Amino acid sequence: STLSTLMLFRAAASGRWRDWLWYTVFALMGMAAHS
């Protein structure tokens, strides 16, 4: 949750696809961690 929130702020500020990709990675990690 913390890492995905961090990358969400970065991605929204920068608009870079790499930041959105990292947000997606950490969000998927959260989905795989707990319902």
Full PDB file with SEQRES, HELIX, SHEET, SSBOND, CRYST1, ORIGX, SCALE, CONECT and MASTER records, all heavy atoms in Angstrom:
SEQRES   1 A   35  SER THR LEU SER THR LEU MET LEU PHE ARG ALA ALA ALA          
SEQRES   2 A   35  SER GLY ARG TRP ARG ASP TRP LEU TRP TYR THR VAL PHE          
SEQRES   3 A   35  ALA LEU MET GLY MET ALA ALA HIS SER                          
HELIX    1 AA1 THR A    2  SER A   14  1                                  13    
HELIX    2 AA2 TRP A   17  ALA A   33  1                                  17    
CRYST1    1.000    1.000    1.000  90.00  90.00  90.00 P 1           1          
ORIGX1      1.000000  0.000000  0.000000        0.00000                         
ORIGX2      0.000000  1.000000  0.000000        0.00000                         
ORIGX3      0.000000  0.000000  1.000000        0.00000                         
SCALE1      1.000000  0.000000  0.000000        0.00000                         
SCALE2      0.000000  1.000000  0.000000        0.00000                         
SCALE3      0.000000  0.000000  1.000000        0.00000                         
ATOM      1  N   SER A   1       0.824  -1.205   0.000  1.00  0.00           N  
ATOM      2  CA  SER A   1       0.000   0.000   0.000  1.00  0.00           C  
ATOM      3  C   SER A   1       0.860   1.258   0.000  1.00  0.00           C  
ATOM      4  O   SER A   1       0.595   2.219  -0.735  1.00  0.00           O  
ATOM      5  CB  SER A   1      -0.931  -0.001   1.213  1.00  0.00           C  
ATOM      6  OG  SER A   1      -1.749   1.146   1.221  1.00  0.00           O  
ATOM      7  N   THR A   2       1.932   1.250   0.803  1.00  0.00           N  
ATOM      8  CA  THR A   2       2.805   2.419   0.887  1.00  0.00           C  
ATOM      9  C   THR A   2       3.554   2.650  -0.414  1.00  0.00           C  
ATOM     10  O   THR A   2       3.615   3.770  -0.935  1.00  0.00           O  
ATOM     11  CB  THR A   2       3.810   2.247   2.038  1.00  0.00           C  
ATOM     12  OG1 THR A   2       3.095   2.017   3.257  1.00  0.00           O  
ATOM     13  CG2 THR A   2       4.659   3.499   2.206  1.00  0.00           C  
ATOM     14  N   LEU A   3       4.136   1.586  -0.976  1.00  0.00           N  
ATOM     15  CA  LEU A   3       4.904   1.731  -2.215  1.00  0.00           C  
ATOM     16  C   LEU A   3       4.008   2.124  -3.392  1.00  0.00           C  
ATOM     17  O   LEU A   3       4.390   2.952  -4.231  1.00  0.00           O  
ATOM     18  CB  LEU A   3       5.646   0.443  -2.527  1.00  0.00           C  
ATOM     19  CG  LEU A   3       6.823   0.098  -1.609  1.00  0.00           C  
ATOM     20  CD1 LEU A   3       7.391  -1.272  -1.955  1.00  0.00           C  
ATOM     21  CD2 LEU A   3       7.913   1.168  -1.698  1.00  0.00           C  
ATOM     22  N   SER A   4       2.820   1.549  -3.468  1.00  0.00           N  
ATOM     23  CA  SER A   4       1.928   1.903  -4.574  1.00  0.00           C  
ATOM     24  C   SER A   4       1.448   3.344  -4.438  1.00  0.00           C  
ATOM     25  O   SER A   4       1.328   4.056  -5.454  1.00  0.00           O  
ATOM     26  CB  SER A   4       0.742   0.929  -4.640  1.00  0.00           C  
ATOM     27  OG  SER A   4       0.013   0.922  -3.427  1.00  0.00           O  
ATOM     28  N   THR A   5       1.204   3.794  -3.215  1.00  0.00           N  
ATOM     29  CA  THR A   5       0.805   5.193  -3.014  1.00  0.00           C  
ATOM     30  C   THR A   5       1.935   6.139  -3.394  1.00  0.00           C  
ATOM     31  O   THR A   5       1.716   7.175  -4.033  1.00  0.00           O  
ATOM     32  CB  THR A   5       0.385   5.427  -1.557  1.00  0.00           C  
ATOM     33  OG1 THR A   5      -0.701   4.553  -1.215  1.00  0.00           O  
ATOM     34  CG2 THR A   5      -0.050   6.873  -1.337  1.00  0.00           C  
ATOM     35  N   LEU A   6       3.155   5.791  -3.009  1.00  0.00           N  
ATOM     36  CA  LEU A   6       4.314   6.598  -3.383  1.00  0.00           C  
ATOM     37  C   LEU A   6       4.421   6.723  -4.899  1.00  0.00           C  
ATOM     38  O   LEU A   6       4.601   7.827  -5.438  1.00  0.00           O  
ATOM     39  CB  LEU A   6       5.579   5.961  -2.811  1.00  0.00           C  
ATOM     40  CG  LEU A   6       6.919   6.533  -3.279  1.00  0.00           C  
ATOM     41  CD1 LEU A   6       7.079   7.981  -2.827  1.00  0.00           C  
ATOM     42  CD2 LEU A   6       8.080   5.671  -2.767  1.00  0.00           C  
ATOM     43  N   MET A   7       4.306   5.605  -5.609  1.00  0.00           N  
ATOM     44  CA  MET A   7       4.450   5.643  -7.053  1.00  0.00           C  
ATOM     45  C   MET A   7       3.248   6.313  -7.719  1.00  0.00           C  
ATOM     46  O   MET A   7       3.392   6.893  -8.807  1.00  0.00           O  
ATOM     47  CB  MET A   7       4.644   4.228  -7.603  1.00  0.00           C  
ATOM     48  CG  MET A   7       5.949   3.577  -7.166  1.00  0.00           C  
ATOM     49  SD  MET A   7       7.408   4.648  -7.345  1.00  0.00           S  
ATOM     50  CE  MET A   7       7.375   5.031  -9.098  1.00  0.00           C  
ATOM     51  N   LEU A   8       2.089   6.264  -7.088  1.00  0.00           N  
ATOM     52  CA  LEU A   8       0.940   6.979  -7.625  1.00  0.00           C  
ATOM     53  C   LEU A   8       1.198   8.490  -7.621  1.00  0.00           C  
ATOM     54  O   LEU A   8       0.928   9.177  -8.614  1.00  0.00           O  
ATOM     55  CB  LEU A   8      -0.310   6.655  -6.808  1.00  0.00           C  
ATOM     56  CG  LEU A   8      -1.575   7.407  -7.208  1.00  0.00           C  
ATOM     57  CD1 LEU A   8      -2.010   7.013  -8.618  1.00  0.00           C  
ATOM     58  CD2 LEU A   8      -2.699   7.135  -6.209  1.00  0.00           C  
ATOM     59  N   PHE A   9       1.733   9.004  -6.524  1.00  0.00           N  
ATOM     60  CA  PHE A   9       2.065  10.432  -6.466  1.00  0.00           C  
ATOM     61  C   PHE A   9       3.127  10.783  -7.506  1.00  0.00           C  
ATOM     62  O   PHE A   9       3.032  11.824  -8.172  1.00  0.00           O  
ATOM     63  CB  PHE A   9       2.547  10.804  -5.069  1.00  0.00           C  
ATOM     64  CG  PHE A   9       1.434  11.142  -4.119  1.00  0.00           C  
ATOM     65  CD1 PHE A   9       1.035  10.236  -3.146  1.00  0.00           C  
ATOM     66  CD2 PHE A   9       0.798  12.371  -4.168  1.00  0.00           C  
ATOM     67  CE1 PHE A   9       0.015  10.534  -2.273  1.00  0.00           C  
ATOM     68  CE2 PHE A   9      -0.228  12.684  -3.295  1.00  0.00           C  
ATOM     69  CZ  PHE A   9      -0.626  11.765  -2.340  1.00  0.00           C  
ATOM     70  N   ARG A  10       4.131   9.933  -7.631  1.00  0.00           N  
ATOM     71  CA  ARG A  10       5.184  10.196  -8.616  1.00  0.00           C  
ATOM     72  C   ARG A  10       4.616  10.189 -10.031  1.00  0.00           C  
ATOM     73  O   ARG A  10       4.933  11.062 -10.852  1.00  0.00           O  
ATOM     74  CB  ARG A  10       6.300   9.164  -8.498  1.00  0.00           C  
ATOM     75  CG  ARG A  10       7.177   9.325  -7.270  1.00  0.00           C  
ATOM     76  CD  ARG A  10       8.269   8.257  -7.234  1.00  0.00           C  
ATOM     77  NE  ARG A  10       9.142   8.375  -8.387  1.00  0.00           N  
ATOM     78  CZ  ARG A  10      10.266   9.079  -8.393  1.00  0.00           C  
ATOM     79  NH1 ARG A  10      10.652   9.728  -7.304  1.00  0.00           N  
ATOM     80  NH2 ARG A  10      11.018   9.128  -9.479  1.00  0.00           N  
ATOM     81  N   ALA A  11       3.793   9.198 -10.331  1.00  0.00           N  
ATOM     82  CA  ALA A  11       3.251   9.074 -11.684  1.00  0.00           C  
ATOM     83  C   ALA A  11       2.313  10.228 -12.018  1.00  0.00           C  
ATOM     84  O   ALA A  11       2.344  10.770 -13.126  1.00  0.00           O  
ATOM     85  CB  ALA A  11       2.528   7.733 -11.832  1.00  0.00           C  
ATOM     86  N   ALA A  12       1.473  10.611 -11.063  1.00  0.00           N  
ATOM     87  CA  ALA A  12       0.546  11.717 -11.307  1.00  0.00           C  
ATOM     88  C   ALA A  12       1.291  13.025 -11.494  1.00  0.00           C  
ATOM     89  O   ALA A  12       0.842  13.903 -12.238  1.00  0.00           O  
ATOM     90  CB  ALA A  12      -0.445  11.834 -10.145  1.00  0.00           C  
ATOM     91  N   ALA A  13       2.440  13.161 -10.823  1.00  0.00           N  
ATOM     92  CA  ALA A  13       3.227  14.391 -10.952  1.00  0.00           C  
ATOM     93  C   ALA A  13       4.039  14.427 -12.225  1.00  0.00           C  
ATOM     94  O   ALA A  13       4.187  15.470 -12.850  1.00  0.00           O  
ATOM     95  CB  ALA A  13       4.148  14.543  -9.741  1.00  0.00           C  
ATOM     96  N   SER A  14       4.571  13.277 -12.635  1.00  0.00           N  
ATOM     97  CA  SER A  14       5.493  13.256 -13.770  1.00  0.00           C  
ATOM     98  C   SER A  14       4.822  12.898 -15.087  1.00  0.00           C  
ATOM     99  O   SER A  14       5.240  13.355 -16.149  1.00  0.00           O  
ATOM    100  CB  SER A  14       6.625  12.259 -13.504  1.00  0.00           C  
ATOM    101  OG  SER A  14       6.130  10.921 -13.530  1.00  0.00           O  
ATOM    102  N   GLY A  15       3.802  12.034 -15.015  1.00  0.00           N  
ATOM    103  CA  GLY A  15       3.178  11.537 -16.235  1.00  0.00           C  
ATOM    104  C   GLY A  15       4.019  10.514 -16.968  1.00  0.00           C  
ATOM    105  O   GLY A  15       3.641  10.067 -18.043  1.00  0.00           O  
ATOM    106  N   ARG A  16       5.160  10.112 -16.394  1.00  0.00           N  
ATOM    107  CA  ARG A  16       6.038   9.155 -17.068  1.00  0.00           C  
ATOM    108  C   ARG A  16       5.455   7.749 -17.013  1.00  0.00           C  
ATOM    109  O   ARG A  16       4.963   7.324 -15.966  1.00  0.00           O  
ATOM    110  CB  ARG A  16       7.430   9.172 -16.442  1.00  0.00           C  
ATOM    111  CG  ARG A  16       8.203  10.472 -16.654  1.00  0.00           C  
ATOM    112  CD  ARG A  16       9.662  10.296 -16.239  1.00  0.00           C  
ATOM    113  NE  ARG A  16       9.778   9.997 -14.828  1.00  0.00           N  
ATOM    114  CZ  ARG A  16      10.092  10.896 -13.894  1.00  0.00           C  
ATOM    115  NH1 ARG A  16      10.295  12.172 -14.240  1.00  0.00           N  
ATOM    116  NH2 ARG A  16      10.217  10.543 -12.631  1.00  0.00           N  
ATOM    117  N   TRP A  17       5.570   7.028 -18.120  1.00  0.00           N  
ATOM    118  CA  TRP A  17       5.005   5.684 -18.161  1.00  0.00           C  
ATOM    119  C   TRP A  17       5.724   4.745 -17.207  1.00  0.00           C  
ATOM    120  O   TRP A  17       5.120   3.805 -16.669  1.00  0.00           O  
ATOM    121  CB  TRP A  17       5.043   5.141 -19.590  1.00  0.00           C  
ATOM    122  CG  TRP A  17       6.417   4.850 -20.115  1.00  0.00           C  
ATOM    123  CD1 TRP A  17       7.227   5.685 -20.825  1.00  0.00           C  
ATOM    124  CD2 TRP A  17       7.146   3.621 -19.968  1.00  0.00           C  
ATOM    125  NE1 TRP A  17       8.422   5.078 -21.127  1.00  0.00           N  
ATOM    126  CE2 TRP A  17       8.401   3.796 -20.619  1.00  0.00           C  
ATOM    127  CE3 TRP A  17       6.873   2.394 -19.348  1.00  0.00           C  
ATOM    128  CZ2 TRP A  17       9.368   2.794 -20.662  1.00  0.00           C  
ATOM    129  CZ3 TRP A  17       7.836   1.404 -19.397  1.00  0.00           C  
ATOM    130  CH2 TRP A  17       9.059   1.605 -20.050  1.00  0.00           C  
ATOM    131  N   ARG A  18       7.031   4.998 -16.960  1.00  0.00           N  
ATOM    132  CA  ARG A  18       7.764   4.127 -16.041  1.00  0.00           C  
ATOM    133  C   ARG A  18       7.218   4.227 -14.625  1.00  0.00           C  
ATOM    134  O   ARG A  18       7.157   3.230 -13.893  1.00  0.00           O  
ATOM    135  CB  ARG A  18       9.247   4.486 -16.070  1.00  0.00           C  
ATOM    136  CG  ARG A  18       9.981   4.023 -17.311  1.00  0.00           C  
ATOM    137  CD  ARG A  18      11.401   4.523 -17.333  1.00  0.00           C  
ATOM    138  NE  ARG A  18      11.460   5.990 -17.406  1.00  0.00           N  
ATOM    139  CZ  ARG A  18      12.578   6.695 -17.461  1.00  0.00           C  
ATOM    140  NH1 ARG A  18      13.746   6.069 -17.430  1.00  0.00           N  
ATOM    141  NH2 ARG A  18      12.537   8.010 -17.545  1.00  0.00           N  
ATOM    142  N   ASP A  19       6.834   5.443 -14.222  1.00  0.00           N  
ATOM    143  CA  ASP A  19       6.246   5.598 -12.889  1.00  0.00           C  
ATOM    144  C   ASP A  19       4.896   4.904 -12.795  1.00  0.00           C  
ATOM    145  O   ASP A  19       4.581   4.275 -11.779  1.00  0.00           O  
ATOM    146  CB  ASP A  19       6.101   7.084 -12.551  1.00  0.00           C  
ATOM    147  CG  ASP A  19       7.435   7.765 -12.346  1.00  0.00           C  
ATOM    148  OD1 ASP A  19       8.400   7.059 -11.991  1.00  0.00           O  
ATOM    149  OD2 ASP A  19       7.518   8.992 -12.543  1.00  0.00           O  
ATOM    150  N   TRP A  20       4.099   4.996 -13.865  1.00  0.00           N  
ATOM    151  CA  TRP A  20       2.821   4.273 -13.876  1.00  0.00           C  
ATOM    152  C   TRP A  20       3.039   2.763 -13.878  1.00  0.00           C  
ATOM    153  O   TRP A  20       2.268   2.010 -13.266  1.00  0.00           O  
ATOM    154  CB  TRP A  20       1.988   4.690 -15.088  1.00  0.00           C  
ATOM    155  CG  TRP A  20       1.367   6.042 -14.949  1.00  0.00           C  
ATOM    156  CD1 TRP A  20       1.660   7.167 -15.667  1.00  0.00           C  
ATOM    157  CD2 TRP A  20       0.334   6.420 -14.029  1.00  0.00           C  
ATOM    158  NE1 TRP A  20       0.884   8.218 -15.240  1.00  0.00           N  
ATOM    159  CE2 TRP A  20       0.064   7.793 -14.251  1.00  0.00           C  
ATOM    160  CE3 TRP A  20      -0.372   5.738 -13.053  1.00  0.00           C  
ATOM    161  CZ2 TRP A  20      -0.897   8.480 -13.519  1.00  0.00           C  
ATOM    162  CZ3 TRP A  20      -1.331   6.424 -12.310  1.00  0.00           C  
ATOM    163  CH2 TRP A  20      -1.594   7.779 -12.550  1.00  0.00           C  
ATOM    164  N   LEU A  21       4.082   2.320 -14.565  1.00  0.00           N  
ATOM    165  CA  LEU A  21       4.389   0.887 -14.563  1.00  0.00           C  
ATOM    166  C   LEU A  21       4.745   0.417 -13.168  1.00  0.00           C  
ATOM    167  O   LEU A  21       4.262  -0.638 -12.715  1.00  0.00           O  
ATOM    168  CB  LEU A  21       5.545   0.607 -15.528  1.00  0.00           C  
ATOM    169  CG  LEU A  21       6.021  -0.852 -15.597  1.00  0.00           C  
ATOM    170  CD1 LEU A  21       4.899  -1.770 -16.073  1.00  0.00           C  
ATOM    171  CD2 LEU A  21       7.235  -0.977 -16.521  1.00  0.00           C  
ATOM    172  N   TRP A  22       5.584   1.188 -12.460  1.00  0.00           N  
ATOM    173  CA  TRP A  22       5.934   0.806 -11.096  1.00  0.00           C  
ATOM    174  C   TRP A  22       4.717   0.847 -10.179  1.00  0.00           C  
ATOM    175  O   TRP A  22       4.576   0.001  -9.286  1.00  0.00           O  
ATOM    176  CB  TRP A  22       7.042   1.697 -10.553  1.00  0.00           C  
ATOM    177  CG  TRP A  22       8.402   1.275 -10.989  1.00  0.00           C  
ATOM    178  CD1 TRP A  22       9.256   1.922 -11.835  1.00  0.00           C  
ATOM    179  CD2 TRP A  22       9.078   0.058 -10.604  1.00  0.00           C  
ATOM    180  NE1 TRP A  22      10.410   1.204 -12.008  1.00  0.00           N  
ATOM    181  CE2 TRP A  22      10.332   0.053 -11.263  1.00  0.00           C  
ATOM    182  CE3 TRP A  22       8.748  -1.007  -9.778  1.00  0.00           C  
ATOM    183  CZ2 TRP A  22      11.246  -0.980 -11.111  1.00  0.00           C  
ATOM    184  CZ3 TRP A  22       9.659  -2.047  -9.630  1.00  0.00           C  
ATOM    185  CH2 TRP A  22      10.888  -2.022 -10.289  1.00  0.00           C  
ATOM    186  N   TYR A  23       3.838   1.823 -10.383  1.00  0.00           N  
ATOM    187  CA  TYR A  23       2.599   1.825  -9.596  1.00  0.00           C  
ATOM    188  C   TYR A  23       1.813   0.537  -9.839  1.00  0.00           C  
ATOM    189  O   TYR A  23       1.320  -0.097  -8.892  1.00  0.00           O  
ATOM    190  CB  TYR A  23       1.721   3.037  -9.949  1.00  0.00           C  
ATOM    191  CG  TYR A  23       0.329   2.867  -9.394  1.00  0.00           C  
ATOM    192  CD1 TYR A  23       0.090   2.997  -8.019  1.00  0.00           C  
ATOM    193  CD2 TYR A  23      -0.734   2.503 -10.219  1.00  0.00           C  
ATOM    194  CE1 TYR A  23      -1.176   2.785  -7.497  1.00  0.00           C  
ATOM    195  CE2 TYR A  23      -1.996   2.297  -9.705  1.00  0.00           C  
ATOM    196  CZ  TYR A  23      -2.223   2.438  -8.336  1.00  0.00           C  
ATOM    197  OH  TYR A  23      -3.465   2.220  -7.804  1.00  0.00           O  
ATOM    198  N   THR A  24       1.713   0.136 -11.100  1.00  0.00           N  
ATOM    199  CA  THR A  24       0.974  -1.085 -11.429  1.00  0.00           C  
ATOM    200  C   THR A  24       1.612  -2.307 -10.776  1.00  0.00           C  
ATOM    201  O   THR A  24       0.904  -3.174 -10.247  1.00  0.00           O  
ATOM    202  CB  THR A  24       0.927  -1.264 -12.957  1.00  0.00           C  
ATOM    203  OG1 THR A  24       0.312  -0.113 -13.559  1.00  0.00           O  
ATOM    204  CG2 THR A  24       0.134  -2.507 -13.323  1.00  0.00           C  
ATOM    205  N   VAL A  25       2.939  -2.374 -10.798  1.00  0.00           N  
ATOM    206  CA  VAL A  25       3.643  -3.502 -10.185  1.00  0.00           C  
ATOM    207  C   VAL A  25       3.317  -3.594  -8.696  1.00  0.00           C  
ATOM    208  O   VAL A  25       2.971  -4.667  -8.178  1.00  0.00           O  
ATOM    209  CB  VAL A  25       5.168  -3.368 -10.395  1.00  0.00           C  
ATOM    210  CG1 VAL A  25       5.925  -4.370  -9.518  1.00  0.00           C  
ATOM    211  CG2 VAL A  25       5.515  -3.584 -11.857  1.00  0.00           C  
ATOM    212  N   PHE A  26       3.403  -2.470  -7.980  1.00  0.00           N  
ATOM    213  CA  PHE A  26       3.167  -2.504  -6.543  1.00  0.00           C  
ATOM    214  C   PHE A  26       1.687  -2.712  -6.219  1.00  0.00           C  
ATOM    215  O   PHE A  26       1.353  -3.328  -5.200  1.00  0.00           O  
ATOM    216  CB  PHE A  26       3.693  -1.225  -5.894  1.00  0.00           C  
ATOM    217  CG  PHE A  26       5.193  -1.121  -5.909  1.00  0.00           C  
ATOM    218  CD1 PHE A  26       5.819   0.031  -6.375  1.00  0.00           C  
ATOM    219  CD2 PHE A  26       5.977  -2.174  -5.478  1.00  0.00           C  
ATOM    220  CE1 PHE A  26       7.204   0.125  -6.389  1.00  0.00           C  
ATOM    221  CE2 PHE A  26       7.365  -2.101  -5.503  1.00  0.00           C  
ATOM    222  CZ  PHE A  26       7.976  -0.944  -5.958  1.00  0.00           C  
ATOM    223  N   ALA A  27       0.798  -2.203  -7.093  1.00  0.00           N  
ATOM    224  CA  ALA A  27      -0.626  -2.460  -6.885  1.00  0.00           C  
ATOM    225  C   ALA A  27      -0.936  -3.942  -7.066  1.00  0.00           C  
ATOM    226  O   ALA A  27      -1.718  -4.534  -6.302  1.00  0.00           O  
ATOM    227  CB  ALA A  27      -1.455  -1.606  -7.836  1.00  0.00           C  
ATOM    228  N   LEU A  28      -0.331  -4.560  -8.081  1.00  0.00           N  
ATOM    229  CA  LEU A  28      -0.522  -5.997  -8.269  1.00  0.00           C  
ATOM    230  C   LEU A  28       0.053  -6.785  -7.092  1.00  0.00           C  
ATOM    231  O   LEU A  28      -0.500  -7.818  -6.693  1.00  0.00           O  
ATOM    232  CB  LEU A  28       0.120  -6.439  -9.583  1.00  0.00           C  
ATOM    233  CG  LEU A  28      -0.582  -5.974 -10.859  1.00  0.00           C  
ATOM    234  CD1 LEU A  28       0.237  -6.358 -12.089  1.00  0.00           C  
ATOM    235  CD2 LEU A  28      -1.988  -6.553 -10.949  1.00  0.00           C  
ATOM    236  N   MET A  29       1.177  -6.307  -6.550  1.00  0.00           N  
ATOM    237  CA  MET A  29       1.736  -6.955  -5.364  1.00  0.00           C  
ATOM    238  C   MET A  29       0.742  -6.896  -4.210  1.00  0.00           C  
ATOM    239  O   MET A  29       0.563  -7.876  -3.474  1.00  0.00           O  
ATOM    240  CB  MET A  29       3.049  -6.281  -4.962  1.00  0.00           C  
ATOM    241  CG  MET A  29       3.758  -6.960  -3.794  1.00  0.00           C  
ATOM    242  SD  MET A  29       5.400  -6.253  -3.444  1.00  0.00           S  
ATOM    243  CE  MET A  29       4.934  -4.782  -2.537  1.00  0.00           C  
ATOM    244  N   GLY A  30       0.080  -5.754  -4.061  1.00  0.00           N  
ATOM    245  CA  GLY A  30      -0.937  -5.644  -3.019  1.00  0.00           C  
ATOM    246  C   GLY A  30      -2.101  -6.578  -3.248  1.00  0.00           C  
ATOM    247  O   GLY A  30      -2.603  -7.214  -2.316  1.00  0.00           O  
ATOM    248  N   MET A  31      -2.534  -6.687  -4.511  1.00  0.00           N  
ATOM    249  CA  MET A  31      -3.631  -7.598  -4.832  1.00  0.00           C  
ATOM    250  C   MET A  31      -3.255  -9.046  -4.535  1.00  0.00           C  
ATOM    251  O   MET A  31      -4.109  -9.853  -4.150  1.00  0.00           O  
ATOM    252  CB  MET A  31      -4.002  -7.452  -6.313  1.00  0.00           C  
ATOM    253  CG  MET A  31      -4.667  -6.146  -6.661  1.00  0.00           C  
ATOM    254  SD  MET A  31      -6.324  -6.003  -5.949  1.00  0.00           S  
ATOM    255  CE  MET A  31      -6.914  -4.528  -6.788  1.00  0.00           C  
ATOM    256  N   ALA A  32      -1.972  -9.365  -4.721  1.00  0.00           N  
ATOM    257  CA  ALA A  32      -1.504 -10.730  -4.462  1.00  0.00           C  
ATOM    258  C   ALA A  32      -1.195 -10.978  -2.998  1.00  0.00           C  
ATOM    259  O   ALA A  32      -0.920 -12.115  -2.609  1.00  0.00           O  
ATOM    260  CB  ALA A  32      -0.259 -11.025  -5.302  1.00  0.00           C  
ATOM    261  N   ALA A  33      -1.239  -9.898  -2.190  1.00  0.00           N  
ATOM    262  CA  ALA A  33      -0.877 -10.020  -0.776  1.00  0.00           C  
ATOM    263  C   ALA A  33      -2.089 -10.206   0.124  1.00  0.00           C  
ATOM    264  O   ALA A  33      -2.060 -11.015   1.056  1.00  0.00           O  
ATOM    265  CB  ALA A  33      -0.092  -8.790  -0.325  1.00  0.00           C  
ATOM    266  N   HIS A  34      -3.150  -9.453  -0.142  1.00  0.00           N  
ATOM    267  CA  HIS A  34      -4.285  -9.470   0.784  1.00  0.00           C  
ATOM    268  C   HIS A  34      -5.531  -8.985   0.060  1.00  0.00           C  
ATOM    269  O   HIS A  34      -5.473  -8.036  -0.724  1.00  0.00           O  
ATOM    270  CB  HIS A  34      -3.994  -8.564   1.987  1.00  0.00           C  
ATOM    271  CG  HIS A  34      -4.817  -8.863   3.195  1.00  0.00           C  
ATOM    272  ND1 HIS A  34      -6.177  -8.634   3.245  1.00  0.00           N  
ATOM    273  CD2 HIS A  34      -4.488  -9.374   4.407  1.00  0.00           C  
ATOM    274  CE1 HIS A  34      -6.644  -8.989   4.427  1.00  0.00           C  
ATOM    275  NE2 HIS A  34      -5.637  -9.445   5.148  1.00  0.00           N  
ATOM    276  N   SER A  35      -6.655  -9.621   0.346  1.00  0.00           N  
ATOM    277  CA  SER A  35      -7.908  -9.255  -0.311  1.00  0.00           C  
ATOM    278  C   SER A  35      -8.361  -7.849   0.044  1.00  0.00           C  
ATOM    279  O   SER A  35      -9.078  -7.205  -0.728  1.00  0.00           O  
ATOM    280  CB  SER A  35      -9.000 -10.270   0.053  1.00  0.00           C  
ATOM    281  OG  SER A  35      -9.100 -10.413   1.465  1.00  0.00           O  
TER     282      SER A  35                                                      
MASTER        0    0    0    2    0    0    0    6  281    1    0    3          
END                                                                             
